[in-house]
Amino acid sequence: MKGGDFLKVNWKVRFKSKAFWVAIVPAFLLLISIVVKTFRY
């Protein structure tokens, strides 16, 4: 995958997709969890 290909993704369609949110929300929460554990808030 080239750098420019990332921008060619149809983000409007992506954001309307339920599968996208089912995947991205837990990934985002996991990222937040790791950051919190790292900095011990």
N, C-alpha and C. Protein backbone atom coordinates (compact mmCIF):
# COMPACT_ATOMS: atom_id res chain seq x y z
N MET A 1 0.85 -1.20 0.00
CA MET A 1 0.00 0.00 0.00
C MET A 1 0.88 1.25 0.00
N LYS A 2 0.69 2.08 -0.99
CA LYS A 2 1.47 3.31 -1.09
C LYS A 2 0.89 4.38 -0.16
N GLY A 3 1.68 5.37 0.18
CA GLY A 3 1.24 6.44 1.06
C GLY A 3 0.01 7.17 0.56
N GLY A 4 -0.07 7.43 -0.73
CA GLY A 4 -1.20 8.15 -1.31
C GLY A 4 -2.49 7.36 -1.33
N ASP A 5 -2.40 6.03 -1.30
CA ASP A 5 -3.59 5.19 -1.35
C ASP A 5 -4.47 5.37 -0.12
N PHE A 6 -3.89 5.71 1.01
CA PHE A 6 -4.64 5.92 2.25
C PHE A 6 -5.69 7.00 2.07
N LEU A 7 -5.35 8.05 1.33
CA LEU A 7 -6.26 9.17 1.14
C LEU A 7 -7.38 8.85 0.15
N LYS A 8 -7.23 7.78 -0.63
CA LYS A 8 -8.23 7.42 -1.62
C LYS A 8 -9.39 6.61 -1.03
N VAL A 9 -9.29 6.24 0.25
CA VAL A 9 -10.36 5.49 0.90
C VAL A 9 -11.58 6.40 0.98
N ASN A 10 -12.77 5.86 0.69
CA ASN A 10 -13.99 6.65 0.78
C ASN A 10 -14.44 6.71 2.24
N TRP A 11 -13.98 7.74 2.94
CA TRP A 11 -14.22 7.85 4.38
C TRP A 11 -15.69 8.09 4.70
N LYS A 12 -16.45 8.77 3.83
CA LYS A 12 -17.88 8.99 4.09
C LYS A 12 -18.63 7.67 4.15
N VAL A 13 -18.30 6.77 3.23
CA VAL A 13 -18.91 5.43 3.22
C VAL A 13 -18.45 4.65 4.44
N ARG A 14 -17.17 4.75 4.74
CA ARG A 14 -16.58 4.05 5.88
C ARG A 14 -17.29 4.41 7.19
N PHE A 15 -17.50 5.72 7.42
CA PHE A 15 -18.10 6.18 8.67
C PHE A 15 -19.56 5.76 8.81
N LYS A 16 -20.24 5.48 7.70
CA LYS A 16 -21.63 5.01 7.74
C LYS A 16 -21.72 3.51 7.99
N SER A 17 -20.61 2.82 7.87
CA SER A 17 -20.58 1.36 8.01
C SER A 17 -20.56 0.94 9.48
N LYS A 18 -21.51 0.07 9.84
CA LYS A 18 -21.56 -0.44 11.22
C LYS A 18 -20.32 -1.26 11.54
N ALA A 19 -19.85 -2.05 10.59
CA ALA A 19 -18.66 -2.88 10.80
C ALA A 19 -17.43 -2.03 11.11
N PHE A 20 -17.34 -0.87 10.49
CA PHE A 20 -16.22 0.05 10.76
C PHE A 20 -16.21 0.47 12.22
N TRP A 21 -17.39 0.86 12.74
CA TRP A 21 -17.48 1.31 14.14
C TRP A 21 -17.26 0.16 15.11
N VAL A 22 -17.75 -1.04 14.77
CA VAL A 22 -17.54 -2.22 15.62
C VAL A 22 -16.05 -2.52 15.74
N ALA A 23 -15.29 -2.24 14.71
CA ALA A 23 -13.85 -2.47 14.72
C ALA A 23 -13.08 -1.32 15.37
N ILE A 24 -13.46 -0.09 15.06
CA ILE A 24 -12.66 1.07 15.47
C ILE A 24 -12.85 1.46 16.93
N VAL A 25 -14.06 1.29 17.47
CA VAL A 25 -14.31 1.68 18.86
C VAL A 25 -13.48 0.86 19.84
N PRO A 26 -13.51 -0.48 19.78
CA PRO A 26 -12.66 -1.25 20.70
C PRO A 26 -11.17 -0.97 20.50
N ALA A 27 -10.75 -0.75 19.26
CA ALA A 27 -9.34 -0.44 19.00
C ALA A 27 -8.96 0.89 19.65
N PHE A 28 -9.85 1.86 19.55
CA PHE A 28 -9.60 3.18 20.17
C PHE A 28 -9.58 3.07 21.69
N LEU A 29 -10.52 2.31 22.26
CA LEU A 29 -10.55 2.13 23.71
C LEU A 29 -9.31 1.41 24.20
N LEU A 30 -8.84 0.44 23.45
CA LEU A 30 -7.61 -0.27 23.80
C LEU A 30 -6.42 0.69 23.79
N LEU A 31 -6.36 1.54 22.80
CA LEU A 31 -5.29 2.54 22.71
C LEU A 31 -5.32 3.47 23.92
N ILE A 32 -6.51 3.95 24.28
CA ILE A 32 -6.67 4.83 25.45
C ILE A 32 -6.21 4.11 26.71
N SER A 33 -6.61 2.84 26.85
CA SER A 33 -6.24 2.03 28.01
C SER A 33 -4.72 1.91 28.14
N ILE A 34 -4.04 1.67 27.03
CA ILE A 34 -2.58 1.54 27.03
C ILE A 34 -1.93 2.86 27.44
N VAL A 35 -2.43 3.96 26.90
CA VAL A 35 -1.88 5.28 27.23
C VAL A 35 -2.07 5.58 28.72
N VAL A 36 -3.25 5.29 29.25
CA VAL A 36 -3.54 5.53 30.66
C VAL A 36 -2.62 4.70 31.55
N LYS A 37 -2.45 3.42 31.21
CA LYS A 37 -1.57 2.55 31.99
C LYS A 37 -0.11 3.02 31.92
N THR A 38 0.28 3.53 30.76
CA THR A 38 1.65 4.00 30.58
C THR A 38 1.95 5.20 31.47
N PHE A 39 1.01 6.14 31.54
CA PHE A 39 1.23 7.37 32.30
C PHE A 39 0.66 7.32 33.71
N ARG A 40 0.00 6.19 34.05
CA ARG A 40 -0.54 5.96 35.40
C ARG A 40 -1.48 7.06 35.89
N TYR A 41 -2.43 7.45 35.06
CA TYR A 41 -3.43 8.43 35.48
C TYR A 41 -4.43 7.78 36.41
